């Protein structure tokens, strides 16, 4: 992974809106053509109705034209190797392949590299609905 993906996740994390949990998270994804899309978690007073950093990054990715996602980085301020929650794993699986690299980061950089298939071994994509 290029260090810029980690830096994009870190910059996004700095913009997190997490007044309730005090648990800022940033995520960044890279498409095959090199574009990077980042997002932060956003909480609201109706606590379960906020959204995760990965979801925000996916929104930017869709609005930016999509493409094949080849790398994802996730970083939390207070937890090394923070992985996407179950819902975000399925959201990411919609746009990734099992071999897509997922970088679990700490404050210094990548702490562990896994694949989306490792994180969601029985994930499915929308193409099964056709």
C-alpha atoms as a PDB file:
ATOM      1  CA  UNK A   1       0.000   0.000   0.000  1.00  0.00           C
ATOM      2  CA  UNK A   2       1.186   3.463  -0.770  1.00  0.00           C
ATOM      3  CA  UNK A   3       1.461   5.615   2.320  1.00  0.00           C
ATOM      4  CA  UNK A   4      -1.003   8.081   0.762  1.00  0.00           C
ATOM      5  CA  UNK A   5      -3.952   5.739   1.408  1.00  0.00           C
ATOM      6  CA  UNK A   6      -3.112   5.647   5.119  1.00  0.00           C
ATOM      7  CA  UNK A   7      -2.690   9.438   5.098  1.00  0.00           C
ATOM      8  CA  UNK A   8      -6.100   9.851   3.424  1.00  0.00           C
ATOM      9  CA  UNK A   9      -7.737   7.696   6.112  1.00  0.00           C
ATOM     10  CA  UNK A  10      -5.919   9.655   8.824  1.00  0.00           C
ATOM     11  CA  UNK A  11      -7.002  13.005   7.359  1.00  0.00           C
ATOM     12  CA  UNK A  12     -10.591  11.752   7.144  1.00  0.00           C
ATOM     13  CA  UNK A  13     -10.471  10.538  10.748  1.00  0.00           C
ATOM     14  CA  UNK A  14      -9.521  14.063  11.826  1.00  0.00           C
ATOM     15  CA  UNK A  15     -12.864  15.231  10.402  1.00  0.00           C
ATOM     16  CA  UNK A  16     -14.977  12.578  12.160  1.00  0.00           C
ATOM     17  CA  UNK A  17     -18.067  13.764  13.986  1.00  0.00           C
ATOM     18  CA  UNK A  18     -18.125  11.457  17.016  1.00  0.00           C
ATOM     19  CA  UNK A  19     -19.389  13.544  19.967  1.00  0.00           C
ATOM     20  CA  UNK A  20     -21.134  10.606  21.647  1.00  0.00           C
ATOM     21  CA  UNK A  21     -18.748   7.670  21.331  1.00  0.00           C
ATOM     22  CA  UNK A  22     -15.564   9.777  21.179  1.00  0.00           C
ATOM     23  CA  UNK A  23     -14.328   7.091  18.753  1.00  0.00           C
ATOM     24  CA  UNK A  24     -13.214   8.767  15.488  1.00  0.00           C
ATOM     25  CA  UNK A  25     -12.631   6.471  12.541  1.00  0.00           C
ATOM     26  CA  UNK A  26     -11.308   7.168   9.057  1.00  0.00           C
ATOM     27  CA  UNK A  27     -11.385   5.001   5.964  1.00  0.00           C
ATOM     28  CA  UNK A  28      -9.954   5.379   2.495  1.00  0.00           C
ATOM     29  CA  UNK A  29     -10.269   3.237  -0.588  1.00  0.00           C
ATOM     30  CA  UNK A  30      -8.355   3.206  -3.817  1.00  0.00           C
ATOM     31  CA  UNK A  31      -9.708   2.305  -7.217  1.00  0.00           C
ATOM     32  CA  UNK A  32      -7.793   0.475  -9.906  1.00  0.00           C
ATOM     33  CA  UNK A  33      -7.101   3.753 -11.710  1.00  0.00           C
ATOM     34  CA  UNK A  34      -5.506   5.265  -8.584  1.00  0.00           C
ATOM     35  CA  UNK A  35      -8.311   7.500  -7.331  1.00  0.00           C
ATOM     36  CA  UNK A  36      -8.684   7.676  -3.538  1.00  0.00           C
ATOM     37  CA  UNK A  37     -11.970   8.216  -1.717  1.00  0.00           C
ATOM     38  CA  UNK A  38     -12.049   8.808   2.024  1.00  0.00           C
ATOM     39  CA  UNK A  39     -14.655   9.124   4.729  1.00  0.00           C
ATOM     40  CA  UNK A  40     -15.127   9.534   8.474  1.00  0.00           C
ATOM     41  CA  UNK A  41     -17.746   8.249  10.863  1.00  0.00           C
ATOM     42  CA  UNK A  42     -20.622  10.603  11.575  1.00  0.00           C
ATOM     43  CA  UNK A  43     -22.813  10.222  14.659  1.00  0.00           C
ATOM     44  CA  UNK A  44     -26.140  11.870  15.395  1.00  0.00           C
ATOM     45  CA  UNK A  45     -28.253  12.117  18.542  1.00  0.00           C
ATOM     46  CA  UNK A  46     -30.432   9.247  17.327  1.00  0.00           C
ATOM     47  CA  UNK A  47     -27.392   7.116  18.019  1.00  0.00           C
ATOM     48  CA  UNK A  48     -27.931   4.057  15.798  1.00  0.00           C
ATOM     49  CA  UNK A  49     -28.735   6.246  12.811  1.00  0.00           C
ATOM     50  CA  UNK A  50     -25.224   7.586  12.173  1.00  0.00           C
ATOM     51  CA  UNK A  51     -22.906   6.075   9.611  1.00  0.00           C
ATOM     52  CA  UNK A  52     -19.474   4.534   9.578  1.00  0.00           C
ATOM     53  CA  UNK A  53     -16.313   5.855   7.924  1.00  0.00           C
ATOM     54  CA  UNK A  54     -16.416   3.083   5.329  1.00  0.00           C
ATOM     55  CA  UNK A  55     -19.997   4.016   4.394  1.00  0.00           C
ATOM     56  CA  UNK A  56     -19.010   7.666   3.977  1.00  0.00           C
ATOM     57  CA  UNK A  57     -16.038   6.675   1.800  1.00  0.00           C
ATOM     58  CA  UNK A  58     -18.319   4.481  -0.328  1.00  0.00           C
ATOM     59  CA  UNK A  59     -20.686   7.423  -0.807  1.00  0.00           C
ATOM     60  CA  UNK A  60     -17.823   9.564  -2.135  1.00  0.00           C
ATOM     61  CA  UNK A  61     -16.700   6.635  -4.314  1.00  0.00           C
ATOM     62  CA  UNK A  62     -20.150   6.216  -5.884  1.00  0.00           C
ATOM     63  CA  UNK A  63     -20.532   9.958  -6.436  1.00  0.00           C
ATOM     64  CA  UNK A  64     -17.034  10.002  -7.972  1.00  0.00           C
ATOM     65  CA  UNK A  65     -17.954   7.430 -10.599  1.00  0.00           C
ATOM     66  CA  UNK A  66     -17.061   4.143  -8.899  1.00  0.00           C
ATOM     67  CA  UNK A  67     -14.650   1.665 -10.432  1.00  0.00           C
ATOM     68  CA  UNK A  68     -12.835  -1.412  -9.209  1.00  0.00           C
ATOM     69  CA  UNK A  69     -11.734  -1.056  -5.569  1.00  0.00           C
ATOM     70  CA  UNK A  70      -8.291  -2.582  -5.052  1.00  0.00           C
ATOM     71  CA  UNK A  71      -7.285  -1.363  -1.574  1.00  0.00           C
ATOM     72  CA  UNK A  72      -8.971  -0.172   1.608  1.00  0.00           C
ATOM     73  CA  UNK A  73      -7.422   1.346   4.743  1.00  0.00           C
ATOM     74  CA  UNK A  74      -9.209   1.749   8.077  1.00  0.00           C
ATOM     75  CA  UNK A  75      -7.877   3.708  11.043  1.00  0.00           C
ATOM     76  CA  UNK A  76      -9.363   4.455  14.475  1.00  0.00           C
ATOM     77  CA  UNK A  77      -7.914   7.000  16.841  1.00  0.00           C
ATOM     78  CA  UNK A  78      -8.203   4.844  19.951  1.00  0.00           C
ATOM     79  CA  UNK A  79      -7.886   1.291  18.625  1.00  0.00           C
ATOM     80  CA  UNK A  80      -5.131  -0.346  16.617  1.00  0.00           C
ATOM     81  CA  UNK A  81      -6.289  -2.650  13.800  1.00  0.00           C
ATOM     82  CA  UNK A  82      -9.903  -1.476  13.852  1.00  0.00           C
ATOM     83  CA  UNK A  83     -11.759  -3.574  11.297  1.00  0.00           C
ATOM     84  CA  UNK A  84     -14.973  -2.657   9.482  1.00  0.00           C
ATOM     85  CA  UNK A  85     -18.158  -3.601  11.321  1.00  0.00           C
ATOM     86  CA  UNK A  86     -20.315  -6.398   9.917  1.00  0.00           C
ATOM     87  CA  UNK A  87     -22.586  -4.036   8.006  1.00  0.00           C
ATOM     88  CA  UNK A  88     -19.651  -2.246   6.416  1.00  0.00           C
ATOM     89  CA  UNK A  89     -18.028  -5.533   5.486  1.00  0.00           C
ATOM     90  CA  UNK A  90     -21.140  -6.374   3.472  1.00  0.00           C
ATOM     91  CA  UNK A  91     -21.336  -2.851   2.010  1.00  0.00           C
ATOM     92  CA  UNK A  92     -17.703  -3.073   0.905  1.00  0.00           C
ATOM     93  CA  UNK A  93     -18.273  -6.583  -0.499  1.00  0.00           C
ATOM     94  CA  UNK A  94     -20.822  -5.077  -2.883  1.00  0.00           C
ATOM     95  CA  UNK A  95     -18.018  -3.155  -4.599  1.00  0.00           C
ATOM     96  CA  UNK A  96     -14.957  -5.321  -3.913  1.00  0.00           C
ATOM     97  CA  UNK A  97     -13.741  -8.813  -4.633  1.00  0.00           C
ATOM     98  CA  UNK A  98     -12.622 -11.319  -1.986  1.00  0.00           C
ATOM     99  CA  UNK A  99      -8.988 -10.631  -2.925  1.00  0.00           C
ATOM    100  CA  UNK A 100      -9.285  -6.860  -2.302  1.00  0.00           C
ATOM    101  CA  UNK A 101      -6.644  -5.855   0.244  1.00  0.00           C
ATOM    102  CA  UNK A 102      -7.821  -4.395   3.541  1.00  0.00           C
ATOM    103  CA  UNK A 103      -5.237  -2.580   5.655  1.00  0.00           C
ATOM    104  CA  UNK A 104      -5.938  -2.439   9.380  1.00  0.00           C
ATOM    105  CA  UNK A 105      -3.936   0.507  10.663  1.00  0.00           C
ATOM    106  CA  UNK A 106      -2.648   1.999  13.866  1.00  0.00           C
ATOM    107  CA  UNK A 107      -1.419   5.561  14.330  1.00  0.00           C
ATOM    108  CA  UNK A 108       1.903   4.778  12.618  1.00  0.00           C
ATOM    109  CA  UNK A 109       0.591   2.996   9.521  1.00  0.00           C
ATOM    110  CA  UNK A 110      -0.452  -0.486   8.461  1.00  0.00           C
ATOM    111  CA  UNK A 111      -0.552  -2.923  11.389  1.00  0.00           C
ATOM    112  CA  UNK A 112      -2.027  -5.889   9.490  1.00  0.00           C
ATOM    113  CA  UNK A 113      -3.046  -6.708   5.934  1.00  0.00           C
ATOM    114  CA  UNK A 114      -5.968  -9.019   5.252  1.00  0.00           C
ATOM    115  CA  UNK A 115      -8.361  -9.491   2.357  1.00  0.00           C
ATOM    116  CA  UNK A 116     -12.063  -8.818   2.182  1.00  0.00           C
ATOM    117  CA  UNK A 117     -12.500 -12.591   1.792  1.00  0.00           C
ATOM    118  CA  UNK A 118     -10.715 -13.054   5.129  1.00  0.00           C
ATOM    119  CA  UNK A 119     -13.029 -10.527   6.792  1.00  0.00           C
ATOM    120  CA  UNK A 120     -16.276 -11.729   5.212  1.00  0.00           C
ATOM    121  CA  UNK A 121     -15.790 -15.315   4.019  1.00  0.00           C
ATOM    122  CA  UNK A 122     -19.447 -15.816   3.097  1.00  0.00           C
ATOM    123  CA  UNK A 123     -20.157 -12.348   1.767  1.00  0.00           C
ATOM    124  CA  UNK A 124     -22.235 -11.971  -1.337  1.00  0.00           C
ATOM    125  CA  UNK A 125     -22.649  -9.438  -4.079  1.00  0.00           C
ATOM    126  CA  UNK A 126     -25.672  -8.106  -5.883  1.00  0.00           C
ATOM    127  CA  UNK A 127     -24.877 -10.127  -9.002  1.00  0.00           C
ATOM    128  CA  UNK A 128     -26.481 -13.174  -7.336  1.00  0.00           C
ATOM    129  CA  UNK A 129     -29.821 -11.379  -7.603  1.00  0.00           C
ATOM    130  CA  UNK A 130     -29.778 -11.260 -11.384  1.00  0.00           C
END
